[in-house]
Amino acid sequence: MILDKKNIKNQEQNSTKNRLKQVFVIFILGYLVLVAKLFDYVSFADNSIKSSSYVKADNLSRPIIIDRNGYTLAHDIEVPSLAVNPRLLINIEDTIDQLMIAIPGGFNRDSLRKKLNSKASFVWLKRGIEPHQKAAIHALGIPGIRFEDETNRFYPYSNKLSHVIGYTNIDNIGQAGIERHIDSNLLKDSNFYQDSKNIQLSIDL
């Protein structure tokens, strides 16, 4: 009888220890989950801040360039660009035919086929298309085709003073002349956009 009481007592003690171990394990697991969620939140917040800063900087428009009389020599314009999610296309060959009809001479068939066969979810097809070209393609209703508004540089007087003004590339980044000077110096100054958006030259047309 005494032995049975000892066995019962030992069983109760072991049961209590097991319950305590289970509670401890659950507590540790809960703590680890909490730490993991906190880490994810901090990482997400950090990435959001970086992403937001990047978008803000990337969306800054370039300054207008004017001559000494106030005539505009260069300014930004919004243009549509053509892109695609190849994964959503139904028939690649039909898509090629339709796009080449919509923009005559605007594509190389082999190059276009390669882009449409891409495994990526976003591929540029043609940057800076005309509004009527966008309308023609939009009317086709091709799945996966999309349009992105981009900023391009426009020079009202074409090549006049181009040796001084310079030019920008497809991403609207200055490559020569005043345009390059803008990217190399002025756009790095956070106060530039608070002071003026125009750059006035001492020369005229």
Protein backbone atom coordinates (compact mmCIF):
# COMPACT_ATOMS: atom_id res chain seq x y z
CA MET A 1 0.00 0.00 0.00
CA ILE A 2 2.86 2.33 0.91
CA LEU A 3 4.51 1.45 -2.41
CA ASP A 4 1.33 2.31 -4.27
CA LYS A 5 1.17 5.71 -2.56
CA LYS A 6 4.79 6.40 -3.53
CA ASN A 7 4.08 5.38 -7.11
CA ILE A 8 1.04 7.64 -7.24
CA LYS A 9 3.04 10.51 -5.77
CA ASN A 10 5.86 9.96 -8.27
CA GLN A 11 3.37 9.83 -11.13
CA GLU A 12 1.79 13.07 -9.97
CA GLN A 13 5.21 14.72 -9.72
CA ASN A 14 6.19 13.47 -13.16
CA SER A 15 2.88 14.65 -14.57
CA THR A 16 3.40 18.08 -13.01
CA LYS A 17 6.93 18.26 -14.42
CA ASN A 18 5.68 17.29 -17.88
CA ARG A 19 2.98 19.95 -17.75
CA LEU A 20 5.55 22.55 -16.70
CA LYS A 21 7.82 21.47 -19.55
CA GLN A 22 4.94 21.77 -22.01
CA VAL A 23 4.06 25.23 -20.70
CA PHE A 24 7.72 26.26 -20.95
CA VAL A 25 8.00 24.96 -24.53
CA ILE A 26 4.78 26.77 -25.52
CA PHE A 27 6.09 29.97 -23.92
CA ILE A 28 9.40 29.72 -25.79
CA LEU A 29 7.64 29.03 -29.10
CA GLY A 30 5.31 31.98 -28.55
CA TYR A 31 8.27 34.20 -27.74
CA LEU A 32 10.12 33.11 -30.90
CA VAL A 33 7.04 33.75 -33.04
CA LEU A 34 6.70 37.22 -31.50
CA VAL A 35 10.37 38.00 -32.17
CA ALA A 36 10.05 36.75 -35.76
CA LYS A 37 6.98 38.94 -36.38
CA LEU A 38 8.73 41.94 -34.84
CA PHE A 39 11.75 41.35 -37.09
CA ASP A 40 9.51 41.10 -40.16
CA TYR A 41 7.74 44.30 -39.19
CA VAL A 42 11.00 46.20 -38.73
CA SER A 43 12.34 44.87 -42.04
CA PHE A 44 9.10 45.77 -43.83
CA ALA A 45 9.09 49.26 -42.35
CA ASP A 46 12.73 49.78 -43.32
CA ASN A 47 12.11 48.61 -46.87
CA SER A 48 8.99 50.77 -47.11
CA ILE A 49 10.97 53.83 -46.11
CA LYS A 50 13.68 53.04 -48.64
CA SER A 51 11.12 52.35 -51.35
CA SER A 52 9.21 55.53 -50.58
CA SER A 53 12.40 57.60 -50.67
CA TYR A 54 13.39 56.04 -53.96
CA VAL A 55 10.02 56.70 -55.59
CA LYS A 56 10.06 60.29 -54.42
CA ALA A 57 13.52 60.91 -55.84
CA ASP A 58 12.77 59.08 -59.06
CA ASN A 59 9.61 61.11 -59.68
CA LEU A 60 11.31 64.50 -59.51
CA SER A 61 10.80 66.30 -62.83
CA ARG A 62 13.71 67.88 -64.62
CA PRO A 63 13.90 71.68 -64.60
CA ILE A 64 12.68 73.67 -67.59
CA ILE A 65 15.50 75.23 -69.61
CA ILE A 66 14.80 78.69 -71.04
CA ASP A 67 16.88 81.20 -73.00
CA ARG A 68 17.58 84.73 -71.78
CA ASN A 69 14.31 85.97 -73.30
CA GLY A 70 12.25 83.33 -71.53
CA TYR A 71 11.64 81.01 -74.48
CA THR A 72 11.42 77.36 -73.46
CA LEU A 73 14.26 75.26 -74.87
CA ALA A 74 13.60 72.00 -73.02
CA HIS A 75 10.87 70.63 -70.77
CA ASP A 76 9.38 67.33 -69.62
CA ILE A 77 6.37 65.66 -71.24
CA GLU A 78 4.43 62.55 -70.28
CA VAL A 79 4.45 59.78 -72.89
CA PRO A 80 2.95 56.26 -72.88
CA SER A 81 5.24 53.25 -73.14
CA LEU A 82 4.25 49.72 -74.11
CA ALA A 83 4.97 46.72 -71.87
CA VAL A 84 3.71 43.18 -71.43
CA ASN A 85 3.34 40.37 -68.93
CA PRO A 86 4.27 37.41 -71.20
CA ARG A 87 2.74 34.94 -68.74
CA LEU A 88 -0.74 36.24 -69.58
CA LEU A 89 -0.45 35.93 -73.36
CA ILE A 90 -2.68 33.38 -75.07
CA ASN A 91 -1.16 33.17 -78.56
CA ILE A 92 2.28 34.69 -79.09
CA GLU A 93 2.29 34.54 -82.90
CA ASP A 94 -1.12 36.23 -83.11
CA THR A 95 0.09 38.89 -80.69
CA ILE A 96 3.16 39.55 -82.85
CA ASP A 97 1.01 39.98 -85.96
CA GLN A 98 -1.41 42.32 -84.21
CA LEU A 99 1.31 44.53 -82.72
CA MET A 100 3.18 44.82 -86.02
CA ILE A 101 -0.01 45.92 -87.75
CA ALA A 102 -0.86 48.42 -84.98
CA ILE A 103 2.61 50.03 -85.19
CA PRO A 104 3.90 49.55 -88.76
CA GLY A 105 7.69 49.37 -88.79
CA GLY A 106 7.78 49.68 -85.02
CA PHE A 107 9.04 46.19 -84.22
CA ASN A 108 11.53 43.58 -85.34
CA ARG A 109 9.64 40.28 -85.48
CA ASP A 110 12.44 38.12 -84.05
CA SER A 111 13.20 40.58 -81.26
CA LEU A 112 9.51 40.90 -80.43
CA ARG A 113 9.06 37.12 -80.35
CA LYS A 114 12.00 36.80 -77.94
CA LYS A 115 10.47 39.36 -75.58
CA LEU A 116 7.04 37.74 -75.68
CA ASN A 117 8.58 34.36 -74.85
CA SER A 118 10.28 35.78 -71.76
CA LYS A 119 9.63 34.12 -68.38
CA ALA A 120 9.53 37.51 -66.67
CA SER A 121 6.28 39.11 -65.52
CA PHE A 122 7.21 42.53 -66.94
CA VAL A 123 8.96 43.27 -70.24
CA TRP A 124 9.30 46.55 -72.12
CA LEU A 125 8.14 46.27 -75.74
CA LYS A 126 8.47 49.87 -76.90
CA ARG A 127 9.32 53.00 -74.94
CA GLY A 128 7.72 56.31 -75.85
CA ILE A 129 4.91 55.50 -78.27
CA GLU A 130 2.46 57.97 -79.82
CA PRO A 131 -1.05 58.45 -78.35
CA HIS A 132 -2.69 57.10 -81.52
CA GLN A 133 -0.46 54.01 -81.34
CA LYS A 134 -1.54 53.44 -77.75
CA ALA A 135 -5.19 53.76 -78.79
CA ALA A 136 -4.72 51.27 -81.64
CA ILE A 137 -3.08 48.67 -79.39
CA HIS A 138 -5.54 49.23 -76.56
CA ALA A 139 -8.41 48.55 -78.97
CA LEU A 140 -6.97 45.09 -79.67
CA GLY A 141 -7.65 44.00 -76.09
CA ILE A 142 -4.63 41.69 -75.92
CA PRO A 143 -4.32 39.99 -72.48
CA GLY A 144 -1.06 40.89 -70.73
CA ILE A 145 -0.48 44.11 -72.68
CA ARG A 146 -0.11 47.18 -70.48
CA PHE A 147 0.88 50.84 -70.75
CA GLU A 148 3.15 52.82 -68.45
CA ASP A 149 3.31 56.62 -68.38
CA GLU A 150 6.90 57.85 -68.52
CA THR A 151 8.60 61.22 -68.57
CA ASN A 152 10.56 62.20 -71.67
CA ARG A 153 12.40 65.36 -72.62
CA PHE A 154 10.97 67.60 -75.35
CA TYR A 155 12.95 70.23 -77.26
CA PRO A 156 10.56 72.67 -79.00
CA TYR A 157 13.27 74.07 -81.27
CA SER A 158 14.71 70.69 -82.20
CA ASN A 159 18.46 70.91 -82.87
CA LYS A 160 18.89 74.63 -82.22
CA LEU A 161 21.44 75.14 -79.43
CA SER A 162 21.63 71.35 -79.02
CA HIS A 163 25.41 71.62 -78.62
CA VAL A 164 24.76 73.69 -75.49
CA ILE A 165 21.56 72.13 -74.17
CA GLY A 166 22.65 68.52 -74.73
CA TYR A 167 20.16 65.67 -74.48
CA THR A 168 18.75 62.93 -72.23
CA ASN A 169 18.53 59.17 -72.76
CA ILE A 170 15.43 56.95 -72.80
CA ASP A 171 15.32 57.08 -68.98
CA ASN A 172 15.38 60.90 -69.05
CA ILE A 173 18.90 61.12 -67.64
CA GLY A 174 21.18 63.86 -68.97
CA GLN A 175 23.95 62.66 -71.26
CA ALA A 176 25.55 65.87 -72.54
CA GLY A 177 25.59 69.66 -72.22
CA ILE A 178 23.34 71.45 -69.74
CA GLU A 179 21.25 68.31 -69.36
CA ARG A 180 24.22 66.37 -68.04
CA HIS A 181 25.15 69.27 -65.76
CA ILE A 182 21.65 69.10 -64.27
CA ASP A 183 22.11 65.44 -63.28
CA SER A 184 25.71 65.84 -62.14
CA ASN A 185 25.15 68.85 -59.94
CA LEU A 186 21.71 70.42 -59.54
CA LEU A 187 19.65 67.28 -58.95
CA LYS A 188 21.95 66.33 -56.07
CA ASP A 189 21.09 69.57 -54.27
CA SER A 190 17.99 69.06 -52.11
CA ASN A 191 17.39 72.83 -52.06
CA PHE A 192 17.31 73.14 -55.83
CA TYR A 193 13.62 72.26 -56.14
CA GLN A 194 12.73 74.65 -53.36
CA ASP A 195 14.38 77.58 -55.14
CA SER A 196 13.45 77.27 -58.81
CA LYS A 197 12.44 74.80 -61.46
CA ASN A 198 13.77 76.87 -64.34
CA ILE A 199 17.30 77.17 -65.64
CA GLN A 200 17.81 80.36 -67.62
CA LEU A 201 20.69 80.56 -70.07
CA SER A 202 22.51 83.76 -71.00
CA ILE A 203 22.08 83.03 -74.71
CA ASP A 204 19.05 83.28 -76.97
CA LEU A 205 17.74 81.57 -80.09
